[in-house]
Amino acid sequence: MSDTGTEDAELIASDVDELTHAELLCLYKDAEENIRFSKLLQWRITGGTLAIYLLFTLMASGYMAAGIMTKILIILSFLVGSISISILAIFQSWQGTEREKIGLIIGKLSSLARRVYNTKPKRMADIERYSLYGFMCCAILAGGFFALSRLMRWFPA
């Protein structure tokens, strides 16, 4: 019994030998680093795409009379947005794969490690992950809309 009057769950050690345990910890660390790297790349792609849209808008405003250049920039805006959102989806899928690997690894560790890992429900983590992914996609789409509105002169400056 603990001081609060609730019983602590019994600590059950991992069944794996020390070498396997060390290997599992290395795999866990690698999967966590892959997730962080993937998230970093997602944010960089989002920011880079918005910067490209801004560049396109500035290029078009500098060449008001160049109709063919504006058409090329419009096509490039669609292309850049489509590719960026596709890459975001690939990285999102990669994160899911890494999370599955972590789930398998955690199952082989101690009961304390499993309890700590399961502190946040998987569903809540997925909601947060996909909310951020949706925000990134919306930012790219909004930036693309703004760039296209300037390139196609939908709204006067």
Protein backbone atom coordinates (compact mmCIF):
# COMPACT_ATOMS: atom_id res chain seq x y z
CA MET A 1 0.00 0.00 0.00
CA SER A 2 1.18 3.50 -0.76
CA ASP A 3 0.63 6.58 1.39
CA THR A 4 -2.51 7.56 -0.53
CA GLY A 5 -4.23 4.33 0.37
CA THR A 6 -4.26 2.90 -3.16
CA GLU A 7 -2.40 -0.24 -4.01
CA ASP A 8 0.46 0.06 -6.45
CA ALA A 9 0.32 -2.46 -9.24
CA GLU A 10 2.86 -5.22 -8.92
CA LEU A 11 6.06 -4.53 -10.86
CA ILE A 12 6.68 -7.33 -13.32
CA ALA A 13 10.15 -7.37 -14.83
CA SER A 14 10.82 -7.97 -18.48
CA ASP A 15 11.16 -11.61 -19.55
CA VAL A 16 13.91 -10.91 -22.06
CA ASP A 17 17.63 -11.38 -21.42
CA GLU A 18 19.97 -8.40 -21.03
CA LEU A 19 21.23 -8.41 -24.64
CA THR A 20 17.70 -8.53 -26.03
CA HIS A 21 16.66 -5.80 -23.59
CA ALA A 22 19.52 -3.58 -24.79
CA GLU A 23 18.53 -4.30 -28.39
CA LEU A 24 14.91 -3.37 -27.65
CA LEU A 25 16.01 -0.09 -26.06
CA CYS A 26 18.12 0.73 -29.14
CA LEU A 27 15.17 -0.03 -31.42
CA TYR A 28 12.90 2.10 -29.22
CA LYS A 29 15.32 5.03 -29.32
CA ASP A 30 15.66 4.69 -33.10
CA ALA A 31 11.89 4.69 -33.59
CA GLU A 32 11.45 7.76 -31.36
CA GLU A 33 14.20 9.61 -33.27
CA ASN A 34 12.54 8.68 -36.57
CA ILE A 35 9.23 10.12 -35.35
CA ARG A 36 10.87 13.36 -34.24
CA PHE A 37 12.78 13.62 -37.52
CA SER A 38 9.60 13.01 -39.51
CA LYS A 39 7.74 15.71 -37.58
CA LEU A 40 10.60 18.15 -38.12
CA LEU A 41 10.53 17.46 -41.84
CA GLN A 42 6.76 17.95 -41.94
CA TRP A 43 7.07 21.41 -40.36
CA ARG A 44 9.96 22.33 -42.66
CA ILE A 45 7.99 21.25 -45.71
CA THR A 46 5.01 23.31 -44.57
CA GLY A 47 7.15 26.40 -43.96
CA GLY A 48 9.11 25.87 -47.16
CA THR A 49 5.95 25.55 -49.21
CA LEU A 50 4.56 28.77 -47.77
CA ALA A 51 7.88 30.50 -48.54
CA ILE A 52 7.72 29.24 -52.13
CA TYR A 53 4.18 30.59 -52.47
CA LEU A 54 5.39 33.96 -51.21
CA LEU A 55 8.26 33.88 -53.69
CA PHE A 56 5.87 33.10 -56.55
CA THR A 57 3.64 36.00 -55.53
CA LEU A 58 6.58 38.40 -55.37
CA MET A 59 7.91 37.18 -58.72
CA ALA A 60 4.55 37.72 -60.38
CA SER A 61 4.15 41.20 -58.91
CA GLY A 62 7.55 42.15 -60.33
CA TYR A 63 6.54 41.01 -63.81
CA MET A 64 3.01 42.33 -64.23
CA ALA A 65 3.15 42.23 -68.04
CA ALA A 66 4.63 38.75 -68.32
CA GLY A 67 1.48 36.66 -68.92
CA ILE A 68 3.30 33.42 -69.69
CA MET A 69 5.36 33.66 -66.50
CA THR A 70 2.21 34.14 -64.43
CA LYS A 71 0.68 31.04 -66.06
CA ILE A 72 3.80 29.04 -65.29
CA LEU A 73 3.73 30.21 -61.67
CA ILE A 74 0.06 29.23 -61.38
CA ILE A 75 0.85 25.71 -62.62
CA LEU A 76 3.86 25.51 -60.31
CA SER A 77 1.69 26.59 -57.36
CA PHE A 78 -0.66 23.66 -57.95
CA LEU A 79 2.28 21.31 -58.41
CA VAL A 80 4.15 22.48 -55.29
CA GLY A 81 1.01 22.25 -53.13
CA SER A 82 0.11 18.78 -54.38
CA ILE A 83 3.60 17.42 -53.87
CA SER A 84 3.92 18.99 -50.43
CA ILE A 85 0.66 17.53 -49.15
CA SER A 86 1.59 14.13 -50.60
CA ILE A 87 4.94 14.20 -48.82
CA LEU A 88 3.22 15.20 -45.57
CA ALA A 89 0.97 12.15 -45.93
CA ILE A 90 3.99 9.88 -46.48
CA PHE A 91 5.67 11.21 -43.34
CA GLN A 92 2.41 10.80 -41.41
CA SER A 93 2.27 7.17 -42.49
CA TRP A 94 5.92 6.70 -41.50
CA GLN A 95 5.13 8.02 -38.02
CA GLY A 96 2.31 5.49 -37.72
CA THR A 97 4.67 2.67 -38.65
CA GLU A 98 7.22 3.82 -36.08
CA ARG A 99 4.49 4.00 -33.41
CA GLU A 100 3.51 0.41 -34.18
CA LYS A 101 7.13 -0.64 -33.72
CA ILE A 102 7.24 1.17 -30.38
CA GLY A 103 4.05 -0.59 -29.31
CA LEU A 104 5.62 -3.98 -30.05
CA ILE A 105 8.79 -3.05 -28.18
CA ILE A 106 6.90 -1.76 -25.14
CA GLY A 107 5.04 -5.08 -24.92
CA LYS A 108 8.37 -6.80 -24.20
CA LEU A 109 9.46 -4.41 -21.44
CA SER A 110 8.48 -4.26 -17.77
CA SER A 111 4.98 -3.60 -16.51
CA LEU A 112 6.13 -0.15 -15.32
CA ALA A 113 7.34 0.76 -18.81
CA ARG A 114 4.00 -0.35 -20.28
CA ARG A 115 2.05 1.62 -17.68
CA VAL A 116 4.09 4.79 -18.33
CA TYR A 117 3.75 4.35 -22.09
CA ASN A 118 -0.02 3.90 -21.81
CA THR A 119 -0.48 7.06 -19.71
CA LYS A 120 -1.85 8.85 -22.79
CA PRO A 121 -4.50 6.83 -24.64
CA LYS A 122 -3.57 5.86 -28.20
CA ARG A 123 -6.76 7.45 -29.54
CA MET A 124 -5.88 10.82 -27.99
CA ALA A 125 -2.36 10.65 -29.43
CA ASP A 126 -3.81 9.86 -32.87
CA ILE A 127 -6.28 12.76 -32.62
CA GLU A 128 -3.45 15.16 -31.77
CA ARG A 129 -1.22 13.76 -34.53
CA TYR A 130 -3.89 14.02 -37.21
CA SER A 131 -4.99 17.46 -35.99
CA LEU A 132 -1.47 18.76 -36.56
CA TYR A 133 -1.37 17.04 -39.94
CA GLY A 134 -4.69 18.68 -40.84
CA PHE A 135 -3.38 22.06 -39.71
CA MET A 136 -0.30 21.67 -41.92
CA CYS A 137 -2.43 20.72 -44.93
CA CYS A 138 -4.81 23.64 -44.29
CA ALA A 139 -1.85 26.04 -44.03
CA ILE A 140 -0.54 24.82 -47.38
CA LEU A 141 -3.98 25.06 -48.98
CA ALA A 142 -4.57 28.56 -47.57
CA GLY A 143 -1.14 29.69 -48.73
CA GLY A 144 -1.85 28.23 -52.15
CA PHE A 145 -5.20 30.01 -52.30
CA PHE A 146 -3.55 33.30 -51.36
CA ALA A 147 -0.80 32.83 -53.97
CA LEU A 148 -3.32 31.91 -56.66
CA SER A 149 -5.55 34.84 -55.76
CA ARG A 150 -2.60 37.19 -56.26
CA LEU A 151 -1.38 35.43 -59.41
CA MET A 152 -4.81 35.34 -61.03
CA ARG A 153 -5.70 38.83 -59.81
CA TRP A 154 -8.94 37.72 -58.16
CA PHE A 155 -8.68 40.53 -55.66
CA PRO A 156 -7.09 43.89 -56.53
CA ALA A 157 -4.07 44.86 -54.46
